[in-house]
Protein backbone atom coordinates (compact mmCIF):
# COMPACT_ATOMS: atom_id res chain seq x y z
CA MET A 1 0.00 0.00 0.00
CA ASN A 2 2.87 2.43 0.69
CA VAL A 3 4.95 1.88 -2.45
CA VAL A 4 4.19 3.79 -5.65
CA ARG A 5 5.11 1.91 -8.84
CA ALA A 6 6.48 4.33 -11.43
CA LEU A 7 7.30 4.16 -15.13
CA ILE A 8 9.75 6.55 -16.84
CA VAL A 9 9.10 7.56 -20.47
CA ASP A 10 11.81 9.61 -22.22
CA ASP A 11 13.58 8.99 -25.51
CA GLU A 12 16.93 10.26 -24.21
CA GLU A 13 19.08 8.23 -21.84
CA LEU A 14 20.25 11.47 -20.22
CA GLY A 15 16.63 12.41 -19.48
CA ARG A 16 15.84 8.99 -18.01
CA ARG A 17 18.98 9.13 -15.90
CA ALA A 18 18.05 12.56 -14.54
CA LEU A 19 14.57 11.31 -13.62
CA ARG A 20 15.99 8.22 -11.93
CA ALA A 21 18.24 10.46 -9.84
CA LEU A 22 15.32 12.67 -8.79
CA ILE A 23 13.09 9.68 -8.02
CA ALA A 24 15.83 8.01 -5.98
CA ARG A 25 15.65 10.89 -3.49
CA GLU A 26 11.91 10.41 -2.96
CA GLU A 27 10.64 7.87 -0.45
CA GLY A 28 8.34 5.07 -1.50
CA ILE A 29 8.75 5.34 -5.29
CA GLU A 30 9.78 2.18 -7.12
CA VAL A 31 10.74 2.43 -10.80
CA VAL A 32 9.25 -0.65 -12.46
CA GLY A 33 10.28 0.13 -16.03
CA GLU A 34 11.37 2.60 -18.69
CA ALA A 35 10.29 3.35 -22.24
CA SER A 36 11.89 5.40 -25.00
CA SER A 37 9.10 5.52 -27.63
CA ALA A 38 5.33 5.99 -27.84
CA PRO A 39 4.53 2.34 -28.78
CA GLU A 40 6.78 1.01 -26.02
CA ALA A 41 5.24 3.40 -23.49
CA GLY A 42 1.69 2.37 -24.36
CA ARG A 43 2.56 -1.30 -24.16
CA LYS A 44 4.33 -1.03 -20.81
CA ILE A 45 1.56 1.07 -19.26
CA GLU A 46 -1.02 -1.56 -20.21
CA GLU A 47 1.19 -4.50 -19.20
CA GLN A 48 2.71 -3.21 -15.96
CA ARG A 49 -0.15 -0.97 -14.76
CA PRO A 50 2.09 1.56 -12.98
CA ASP A 51 0.56 3.94 -10.45
CA LEU A 52 2.53 6.89 -11.77
CA VAL A 53 4.13 7.73 -15.11
CA PHE A 54 6.81 10.37 -15.67
CA MET A 55 6.19 11.18 -19.32
CA ASP A 56 8.05 13.24 -21.91
CA ILE A 57 5.91 14.86 -24.61
CA GLU A 58 7.96 14.50 -27.80
CA ILE A 59 8.97 10.84 -28.18
CA PRO A 60 9.55 8.65 -31.26
CA GLY A 61 6.44 7.13 -32.77
CA GLY A 62 4.03 9.77 -31.46
CA ASN A 63 3.79 11.93 -28.37
CA GLY A 64 2.96 11.44 -24.72
CA ILE A 65 -0.53 12.92 -25.02
CA ASP A 66 -1.48 10.50 -27.80
CA VAL A 67 -0.14 7.60 -25.73
CA LEU A 68 -2.54 8.43 -22.91
CA ARG A 69 -5.51 8.86 -25.25
CA ASP A 70 -4.96 5.33 -26.55
CA ILE A 71 -4.63 3.62 -23.17
CA ARG A 72 -7.16 0.86 -22.55
CA GLY A 73 -8.04 0.23 -18.94
CA PRO A 74 -7.32 2.22 -15.78
CA MET A 75 -5.40 5.43 -16.37
CA PRO A 76 -2.28 5.96 -14.24
CA TYR A 77 -1.49 9.33 -12.73
CA VAL A 78 0.84 11.19 -15.07
CA ILE A 79 3.47 13.86 -14.46
CA PHE A 80 4.70 15.29 -17.75
CA VAL A 81 8.38 16.19 -17.72
CA THR A 82 9.29 17.99 -20.94
CA ALA A 83 11.15 20.83 -22.61
CA HIS A 84 7.95 21.87 -24.44
CA PRO A 85 5.77 24.20 -22.33
CA GLU A 86 3.34 24.77 -25.22
CA PHE A 87 1.67 21.38 -24.63
CA ALA A 88 0.59 22.15 -21.06
CA LEU A 89 -3.07 22.90 -21.88
CA PRO A 90 -3.87 19.63 -23.74
CA ALA A 91 -1.96 17.74 -21.04
CA PHE A 92 -4.13 19.17 -18.27
CA GLU A 93 -7.24 18.51 -20.36
CA LEU A 94 -6.28 14.83 -20.05
CA GLN A 95 -6.22 15.28 -16.27
CA ALA A 96 -2.42 15.22 -16.01
CA MET A 97 -1.22 15.30 -12.42
CA ASP A 98 1.38 17.98 -13.18
CA TYR A 99 3.45 19.48 -15.97
CA LEU A 100 7.14 20.11 -15.28
CA VAL A 101 9.35 21.96 -17.72
CA LYS A 102 13.00 20.92 -17.99
CA PRO A 103 15.38 21.55 -16.34
CA VAL A 104 13.35 20.39 -13.35
CA GLN A 105 14.17 21.80 -9.92
CA ARG A 106 14.08 19.27 -7.09
CA PRO A 107 11.67 21.22 -4.79
CA ARG A 108 9.17 21.50 -7.64
CA PHE A 109 9.61 17.81 -8.44
CA SER A 110 9.17 16.76 -4.81
CA GLY A 111 5.98 18.79 -4.47
CA SER A 112 4.55 17.20 -7.59
CA VAL A 113 5.41 13.69 -6.39
CA LEU A 114 3.86 14.40 -2.98
CA ARG A 115 0.55 15.42 -4.58
CA ALA A 116 0.62 12.36 -6.82
CA ARG A 117 1.24 10.05 -3.85
CA GLN A 118 -1.74 11.55 -2.02
CA ARG A 119 -4.05 10.96 -5.01
CA ILE A 120 -2.74 7.42 -5.51
CA PHE A 121 -3.30 6.50 -1.87
CA GLU A 122 -6.80 8.03 -1.97
CA ARG A 123 -7.60 5.85 -4.99
CA ARG A 124 -6.24 2.76 -3.23
CA VAL A 125 -8.26 3.43 -0.08
CA ALA A 126 -11.40 3.96 -2.15
CA GLY A 127 -10.76 0.71 -4.03
CA LEU A 128 -10.15 -1.18 -0.79
CA ALA A 129 -13.37 0.21 0.69
CA MET A 130 -15.27 -1.00 -2.38
CA GLN A 131 -13.74 -4.49 -2.05
CA ILE A 132 -14.61 -4.66 1.66
CA ALA A 133 -18.15 -3.48 0.97
CA GLY A 134 -18.55 -6.08 -1.77
CA ALA A 135 -17.16 -8.84 0.46
CA ALA A 136 -19.39 -7.83 3.37
CA ASN A 137 -22.42 -7.72 1.10
CA GLY A 138 -21.82 -11.29 -0.06
CA MET A 139 -20.61 -12.75 3.25
CA GLY A 140 -22.51 -15.83 4.21
CA THR A 141 -24.73 -15.78 1.12
CA ALA A 142 -22.51 -17.21 -1.59
CA HIS A 143 -22.65 -20.85 -2.62
CA PRO A 144 -20.20 -22.96 -4.62
CA GLY A 145 -20.49 -22.08 -8.28
CA GLN A 146 -22.44 -18.91 -7.51
CA SER A 147 -20.85 -15.67 -8.72
CA GLN A 148 -19.95 -13.04 -6.16
CA PRO A 149 -21.81 -9.72 -6.25
CA ALA A 150 -20.02 -6.83 -7.91
CA ALA A 151 -18.09 -4.47 -5.65
CA ARG A 152 -20.24 -1.57 -4.47
CA TYR A 153 -19.27 2.03 -4.93
CA PRO A 154 -18.89 4.22 -1.82
CA GLY A 155 -22.17 5.75 -0.68
CA GLN A 156 -20.47 8.81 0.73
CA LEU A 157 -17.71 11.22 -0.18
CA THR A 158 -15.45 12.73 2.48
CA ILE A 159 -15.42 16.53 2.34
CA ARG A 160 -13.00 18.80 4.18
CA VAL A 161 -14.14 22.33 5.00
CA ARG A 162 -11.36 24.18 6.78
CA ARG A 163 -10.60 21.93 9.78
CA ARG A 164 -13.86 19.99 9.65
CA LEU A 165 -14.46 16.68 7.89
CA PHE A 166 -17.90 15.40 7.04
CA ALA A 167 -19.47 12.72 4.84
CA LEU A 168 -21.55 13.82 1.86
CA ASP A 169 -24.04 11.31 0.46
CA MET A 170 -23.27 10.58 -3.20
CA ASP A 171 -26.96 11.02 -4.06
CA GLU A 172 -26.72 14.66 -2.98
CA ILE A 173 -24.13 15.41 -5.66
CA VAL A 174 -25.74 17.22 -8.61
CA TRP A 175 -22.64 17.51 -10.77
CA VAL A 176 -18.87 17.74 -10.47
CA GLN A 177 -16.73 20.30 -12.27
CA GLY A 178 -13.06 19.62 -12.96
CA ALA A 179 -10.43 22.35 -13.02
CA SER A 180 -6.80 21.25 -13.33
CA GLN A 181 -5.83 19.68 -9.98
CA TYR A 182 -9.13 20.57 -8.30
CA SER A 183 -12.76 19.52 -8.48
CA ARG A 184 -15.81 21.56 -7.52
CA VAL A 185 -18.66 19.41 -6.18
CA HIS A 186 -22.07 21.01 -6.76
CA THR A 187 -24.92 19.96 -4.46
CA LYS A 188 -28.37 21.35 -3.70
CA GLY A 189 -27.00 22.80 -0.48
CA GLY A 190 -23.86 24.42 -1.84
CA GLU A 191 -20.50 23.90 -3.50
CA TYR A 192 -17.29 22.31 -2.20
CA LEU A 193 -13.82 22.72 -3.67
CA LEU A 194 -11.67 19.58 -3.36
CA SER A 195 -7.95 19.33 -4.03
CA ARG A 196 -8.51 16.26 -6.18
CA THR A 197 -8.63 15.80 -9.94
CA LEU A 198 -11.84 14.89 -11.68
CA ALA A 199 -10.26 11.58 -12.73
CA SER A 200 -9.58 10.56 -9.12
CA LEU A 201 -13.16 11.33 -8.12
CA GLU A 202 -14.60 9.55 -11.13
CA CYS A 203 -13.26 6.18 -9.97
CA GLU A 204 -15.41 6.47 -6.82
CA LEU A 205 -18.65 7.37 -8.61
CA ASP A 206 -21.11 4.66 -9.67
CA PRO A 207 -21.02 4.67 -13.50
CA SER A 208 -24.69 3.67 -13.60
CA LYS A 209 -25.59 6.98 -11.93
CA PHE A 210 -22.82 9.41 -12.84
CA PHE A 211 -21.91 10.20 -16.45
CA ARG A 212 -18.97 12.19 -17.77
CA ILE A 213 -20.56 14.48 -20.36
CA HIS A 214 -17.46 16.59 -20.94
CA ARG A 215 -13.77 16.37 -20.14
CA SER A 216 -14.41 18.70 -17.19
CA ALA A 217 -17.94 17.72 -16.08
CA ILE A 218 -19.67 14.69 -14.52
CA VAL A 219 -23.42 14.74 -13.87
CA ASN A 220 -25.71 12.72 -11.62
CA VAL A 221 -28.51 11.45 -13.86
CA ALA A 222 -30.97 11.71 -10.95
CA HIS A 223 -30.61 15.50 -11.14
CA VAL A 224 -30.88 15.83 -14.93
CA ARG A 225 -34.10 17.54 -16.03
CA GLU A 226 -33.72 17.30 -19.79
CA VAL A 227 -31.32 16.93 -22.70
CA ARG A 228 -31.78 19.52 -25.44
CA SER A 229 -30.26 19.63 -28.91
CA ALA A 230 -28.44 22.84 -29.83
CA GLY A 231 -29.19 22.15 -33.53
CA ASP A 232 -25.58 21.82 -34.68
CA GLY A 233 -24.83 18.32 -33.49
CA ARG A 234 -24.25 19.52 -29.95
CA TYR A 235 -26.39 18.93 -26.88
CA ASN A 236 -26.95 20.77 -23.62
CA ILE A 237 -27.76 19.07 -20.34
CA PHE A 238 -30.22 20.93 -18.11
CA MET A 239 -30.20 20.12 -14.40
CA HIS A 240 -33.14 20.44 -12.01
CA GLY A 241 -31.29 23.26 -10.27
CA GLY A 242 -31.26 25.32 -13.48
CA GLN A 243 -27.69 24.76 -14.61
CA SER A 244 -27.05 24.24 -18.32
CA LEU A 245 -23.99 22.13 -19.18
CA PRO A 246 -22.58 21.39 -22.64
CA MET A 247 -22.00 17.82 -23.76
CA GLY A 248 -18.79 16.99 -25.57
CA ARG A 249 -19.13 15.93 -29.21
CA ALA A 250 -17.32 12.63 -28.58
CA ARG A 251 -19.75 11.49 -25.89
CA ARG A 252 -22.80 10.52 -27.89
CA GLU A 253 -22.91 7.11 -26.18
CA ILE A 254 -23.44 8.95 -22.91
CA LEU A 255 -26.44 10.71 -24.46
CA GLU A 256 -28.30 7.41 -24.84
CA LYS A 257 -27.54 6.44 -21.24
CA LEU A 258 -28.72 9.83 -19.97
CA LEU A 259 -31.97 9.63 -21.92
CA SER A 260 -32.50 6.09 -20.63
CA GLY A 261 -31.87 7.26 -17.07
CA ILE A 262 -34.30 10.18 -17.40
CA ALA A 263 -36.96 7.86 -18.82
CA SER A 264 -36.56 5.39 -15.95
CA GLN A 265 -37.04 8.22 -13.43
CA GLY A 266 -40.33 9.17 -15.01
CA SER A 267 -41.70 5.63 -15.18
């Protein structure tokens, strides 16, 4: 639970060596592999399932952003380490953990790794809670040959407001807005700013209830009032609270699920 498995992606041996030296000074980071090209990086991410990837942008066979877009399965946390600052915006749109421009200063690197470790451990705790909930739900009821029930998603989300912690029921969440390393949780009773990425929150939300309609927005179908066409191939999602949210063009499959969810509410 305390060791973060990391993959280094850089086409230059000097760059990989520099990253190894920086990582060696951080506690609890284990380098499980290296890659020097886009195809090799994609293959090793899918095979080794690292928790964290230190990724260069410009690499042979493609670029780091394209590698992440093609990943099948769980997405690792990614810290881009590159000499190309102009790619920062598309990197953060992919929910990158951080974007470091070479030459990297150790204090900046350490701060980035610390934030990544926190998000990784939060994800692990959430996953463990789901496993425990699933095991408890099926304890004493399973029979030989009978499949185990699927792991349940957490029913509550821990919110910190100043020095106070409280549990927010997932059903109270109307929608979640992503902004770089933060997420803003919108509820009927107010808004809460969390120092977590939208991607880290998404893994705790039941995909049968929460749908990602945009790279920076997740909605709770129970709070969707209607879906309206904008007439140009785009759609807007209207919430019961009055908010209007755009749907990304590439998320048409989500449209069908939303419409199905709205219909089931009315039946």
